[in-house]
Amino acid sequence: MAPLELNTEKINLARDILNETDGNFISALAGYYYLVKQNKYPCDFSQEEKQLRINQSLKDYEQGKGINQSELYNRHPEWK
C-alpha cells in the first residue's frame, strides 16, 4: 500500500472509530486490535491445520457424531 493510501485508510478508520457511540463495540474493537497487534489472532490455523480439522469433522459426521441444528436450538433456545 502506498504511503498516501495508507494515510487515507488510517484517517478513515480513525474517523469511523471516533464517530462510534457503542461502548461495547469500542471495547471489543480495542481487544481485537491488541490481539492482532501481538499476532495472537483469535483463530489463526495454518492450511494444514484447517484441512486436518475439516477431515476430522467429516469423519465425525460419517460416524454419526454431533447434533443437528434443531437439537442445538433445543439445547440453547436463546440462539434461535
N, C-alpha and C. Protein backbone atom coordinates (compact mmCIF):
# COMPACT_ATOMS: atom_id res chain seq x y z
N MET A 1 0.86 -1.17 0.00
CA MET A 1 0.00 0.00 0.00
C MET A 1 0.90 1.24 0.00
N ALA A 2 0.60 2.16 -0.88
CA ALA A 2 1.39 3.39 -0.99
C ALA A 2 1.16 4.26 0.25
N PRO A 3 2.15 5.09 0.61
CA PRO A 3 2.02 5.93 1.81
C PRO A 3 0.75 6.79 1.83
N LEU A 4 0.39 7.37 0.70
CA LEU A 4 -0.81 8.21 0.66
C LEU A 4 -2.06 7.37 0.92
N GLU A 5 -2.13 6.20 0.31
CA GLU A 5 -3.27 5.31 0.54
C GLU A 5 -3.33 4.85 1.99
N LEU A 6 -2.17 4.55 2.56
CA LEU A 6 -2.12 4.12 3.95
C LEU A 6 -2.63 5.22 4.87
N ASN A 7 -2.18 6.45 4.65
CA ASN A 7 -2.64 7.56 5.49
C ASN A 7 -4.13 7.81 5.33
N THR A 8 -4.63 7.69 4.13
CA THR A 8 -6.07 7.86 3.89
C THR A 8 -6.85 6.78 4.63
N GLU A 9 -6.37 5.54 4.55
CA GLU A 9 -7.03 4.44 5.25
C GLU A 9 -7.03 4.67 6.76
N LYS A 10 -5.92 5.12 7.30
CA LYS A 10 -5.82 5.38 8.74
C LYS A 10 -6.77 6.50 9.16
N ILE A 11 -6.85 7.56 8.37
CA ILE A 11 -7.74 8.67 8.68
C ILE A 11 -9.20 8.21 8.65
N ASN A 12 -9.57 7.43 7.64
CA ASN A 12 -10.94 6.93 7.55
C ASN A 12 -11.28 6.02 8.73
N LEU A 13 -10.34 5.17 9.11
CA LEU A 13 -10.56 4.28 10.25
C LEU A 13 -10.71 5.09 11.53
N ALA A 14 -9.83 6.06 11.74
CA ALA A 14 -9.90 6.90 12.94
C ALA A 14 -11.23 7.65 12.99
N ARG A 15 -11.68 8.16 11.84
CA ARG A 15 -12.96 8.88 11.79
C ARG A 15 -14.11 7.96 12.17
N ASP A 16 -14.11 6.74 11.64
CA ASP A 16 -15.16 5.78 11.97
C ASP A 16 -15.16 5.46 13.46
N ILE A 17 -13.98 5.26 14.03
CA ILE A 17 -13.89 4.94 15.45
C ILE A 17 -14.37 6.12 16.29
N LEU A 18 -13.96 7.31 15.94
CA LEU A 18 -14.37 8.50 16.70
C LEU A 18 -15.87 8.74 16.63
N ASN A 19 -16.51 8.33 15.55
CA ASN A 19 -17.95 8.51 15.40
C ASN A 19 -18.77 7.39 16.05
N GLU A 20 -18.11 6.31 16.47
CA GLU A 20 -18.81 5.17 17.06
C GLU A 20 -19.32 5.54 18.46
N THR A 21 -20.56 5.20 18.75
CA THR A 21 -21.16 5.55 20.05
C THR A 21 -21.39 4.35 20.95
N ASP A 22 -21.21 3.15 20.42
CA ASP A 22 -21.44 1.93 21.19
C ASP A 22 -20.18 1.56 21.96
N GLY A 23 -20.23 1.73 23.28
CA GLY A 23 -19.07 1.43 24.12
C GLY A 23 -18.64 -0.01 24.07
N ASN A 24 -19.61 -0.93 23.96
CA ASN A 24 -19.28 -2.35 23.87
C ASN A 24 -18.51 -2.66 22.58
N PHE A 25 -18.92 -2.01 21.51
CA PHE A 25 -18.23 -2.20 20.24
C PHE A 25 -16.79 -1.69 20.34
N ILE A 26 -16.61 -0.53 20.93
CA ILE A 26 -15.26 0.04 21.07
C ILE A 26 -14.39 -0.88 21.92
N SER A 27 -14.94 -1.43 23.00
CA SER A 27 -14.18 -2.35 23.85
C SER A 27 -13.78 -3.60 23.07
N ALA A 28 -14.72 -4.15 22.31
CA ALA A 28 -14.43 -5.34 21.52
C ALA A 28 -13.38 -5.03 20.45
N LEU A 29 -13.51 -3.89 19.82
CA LEU A 29 -12.56 -3.48 18.79
C LEU A 29 -11.16 -3.30 19.38
N ALA A 30 -11.08 -2.69 20.54
CA ALA A 30 -9.79 -2.50 21.20
C ALA A 30 -9.16 -3.84 21.54
N GLY A 31 -9.96 -4.76 22.07
CA GLY A 31 -9.45 -6.08 22.39
C GLY A 31 -8.93 -6.80 21.17
N TYR A 32 -9.67 -6.73 20.08
CA TYR A 32 -9.24 -7.38 18.85
C TYR A 32 -7.99 -6.71 18.30
N TYR A 33 -7.95 -5.39 18.37
CA TYR A 33 -6.79 -4.64 17.88
C TYR A 33 -5.51 -5.11 18.59
N TYR A 34 -5.57 -5.26 19.90
CA TYR A 34 -4.38 -5.67 20.64
C TYR A 34 -4.00 -7.12 20.35
N LEU A 35 -4.98 -7.98 20.10
CA LEU A 35 -4.67 -9.35 19.69
C LEU A 35 -3.94 -9.36 18.36
N VAL A 36 -4.44 -8.60 17.41
CA VAL A 36 -3.83 -8.54 16.09
C VAL A 36 -2.43 -7.95 16.19
N LYS A 37 -2.30 -6.90 16.97
CA LYS A 37 -1.00 -6.23 17.12
C LYS A 37 0.04 -7.18 17.71
N GLN A 38 -0.38 -8.09 18.57
CA GLN A 38 0.53 -9.06 19.18
C GLN A 38 0.63 -10.35 18.37
N ASN A 39 0.02 -10.36 17.19
CA ASN A 39 -0.02 -11.56 16.33
C ASN A 39 -0.66 -12.73 17.04
N LYS A 40 -1.67 -12.46 17.86
CA LYS A 40 -2.43 -13.51 18.54
C LYS A 40 -3.86 -13.48 18.03
N TYR A 41 -4.03 -13.91 16.80
CA TYR A 41 -5.34 -13.89 16.18
C TYR A 41 -6.25 -14.90 16.88
N PRO A 42 -7.53 -14.57 16.98
CA PRO A 42 -8.46 -15.46 17.67
C PRO A 42 -8.50 -16.88 17.10
N CYS A 43 -8.39 -17.02 15.81
CA CYS A 43 -8.45 -18.34 15.19
C CYS A 43 -7.58 -18.30 13.94
N ASP A 44 -6.33 -18.63 14.11
CA ASP A 44 -5.37 -18.50 13.02
C ASP A 44 -4.72 -19.84 12.73
N PHE A 45 -5.45 -20.71 12.01
CA PHE A 45 -4.94 -22.03 11.69
C PHE A 45 -4.16 -21.99 10.38
N SER A 46 -3.15 -22.81 10.28
CA SER A 46 -2.45 -22.97 9.00
C SER A 46 -3.37 -23.75 8.06
N GLN A 47 -3.01 -23.76 6.78
CA GLN A 47 -3.80 -24.52 5.81
C GLN A 47 -3.84 -26.00 6.20
N GLU A 48 -2.72 -26.52 6.68
CA GLU A 48 -2.67 -27.92 7.08
C GLU A 48 -3.59 -28.18 8.27
N GLU A 49 -3.58 -27.28 9.26
CA GLU A 49 -4.46 -27.44 10.43
C GLU A 49 -5.93 -27.36 10.02
N LYS A 50 -6.25 -26.46 9.11
CA LYS A 50 -7.63 -26.36 8.63
C LYS A 50 -8.07 -27.66 7.96
N GLN A 51 -7.19 -28.20 7.11
CA GLN A 51 -7.54 -29.43 6.40
C GLN A 51 -7.71 -30.59 7.38
N LEU A 52 -6.85 -30.68 8.40
CA LEU A 52 -6.99 -31.72 9.41
C LEU A 52 -8.32 -31.61 10.14
N ARG A 53 -8.72 -30.39 10.49
CA ARG A 53 -9.98 -30.18 11.19
C ARG A 53 -11.17 -30.52 10.30
N ILE A 54 -11.09 -30.16 9.04
CA ILE A 54 -12.16 -30.49 8.10
C ILE A 54 -12.29 -32.00 7.96
N ASN A 55 -11.15 -32.68 7.79
CA ASN A 55 -11.18 -34.14 7.65
C ASN A 55 -11.75 -34.80 8.90
N GLN A 56 -11.37 -34.30 10.07
CA GLN A 56 -11.90 -34.87 11.31
C GLN A 56 -13.40 -34.64 11.42
N SER A 57 -13.85 -33.46 11.02
CA SER A 57 -15.28 -33.17 11.04
C SER A 57 -16.06 -34.09 10.12
N LEU A 58 -15.50 -34.36 8.95
CA LEU A 58 -16.17 -35.28 8.02
C LEU A 58 -16.23 -36.69 8.59
N LYS A 59 -15.16 -37.15 9.22
CA LYS A 59 -15.17 -38.47 9.86
C LYS A 59 -16.22 -38.52 10.97
N ASP A 60 -16.26 -37.46 11.79
CA ASP A 60 -17.25 -37.39 12.87
C ASP A 60 -18.66 -37.47 12.30
N TYR A 61 -18.91 -36.74 11.22
CA TYR A 61 -20.23 -36.75 10.59
C TYR A 61 -20.59 -38.15 10.10
N GLU A 62 -19.64 -38.80 9.43
CA GLU A 62 -19.88 -40.14 8.90
C GLU A 62 -20.15 -41.14 10.01
N GLN A 63 -19.61 -40.90 11.21
CA GLN A 63 -19.80 -41.80 12.34
C GLN A 63 -21.03 -41.42 13.17
N GLY A 64 -21.76 -40.42 12.70
CA GLY A 64 -22.99 -40.03 13.39
C GLY A 64 -22.76 -39.20 14.64
N LYS A 65 -21.57 -38.67 14.78
CA LYS A 65 -21.29 -37.82 15.94
C LYS A 65 -21.84 -36.42 15.68
N GLY A 66 -22.14 -35.74 16.74
CA GLY A 66 -22.64 -34.38 16.62
C GLY A 66 -24.15 -34.34 16.74
N ILE A 67 -24.69 -33.14 16.60
CA ILE A 67 -26.14 -32.94 16.68
C ILE A 67 -26.57 -32.05 15.52
N ASN A 68 -27.85 -32.15 15.17
CA ASN A 68 -28.34 -31.30 14.10
C ASN A 68 -28.78 -29.94 14.66
N GLN A 69 -29.15 -29.05 13.77
CA GLN A 69 -29.47 -27.69 14.16
C GLN A 69 -30.68 -27.63 15.09
N SER A 70 -31.68 -28.44 14.85
CA SER A 70 -32.87 -28.45 15.71
C SER A 70 -32.51 -28.84 17.14
N GLU A 71 -31.66 -29.86 17.27
CA GLU A 71 -31.22 -30.28 18.61
C GLU A 71 -30.42 -29.17 19.29
N LEU A 72 -29.58 -28.50 18.51
CA LEU A 72 -28.78 -27.41 19.05
C LEU A 72 -29.68 -26.31 19.61
N TYR A 73 -30.72 -25.94 18.84
CA TYR A 73 -31.64 -24.90 19.29
C TYR A 73 -32.45 -25.35 20.50
N ASN A 74 -32.76 -26.63 20.59
CA ASN A 74 -33.46 -27.13 21.77
C ASN A 74 -32.59 -27.02 23.01
N ARG A 75 -31.30 -27.26 22.85
CA ARG A 75 -30.38 -27.16 23.99
C ARG A 75 -30.10 -25.70 24.36
N HIS A 76 -30.12 -24.82 23.35
CA HIS A 76 -29.80 -23.41 23.56
C HIS A 76 -30.84 -22.53 22.87
N PRO A 77 -32.04 -22.45 23.43
CA PRO A 77 -33.12 -21.73 22.75
C PRO A 77 -32.81 -20.25 22.51
N GLU A 78 -31.90 -19.67 23.29
CA GLU A 78 -31.57 -18.24 23.09
C GLU A 78 -30.81 -18.02 21.79
N TRP A 79 -30.34 -19.07 21.14
CA TRP A 79 -29.60 -18.94 19.88
C TRP A 79 -30.53 -18.88 18.68
N LYS A 80 -31.84 -19.10 18.89
CA LYS A 80 -32.78 -19.08 17.76
C LYS A 80 -32.83 -17.71 17.15
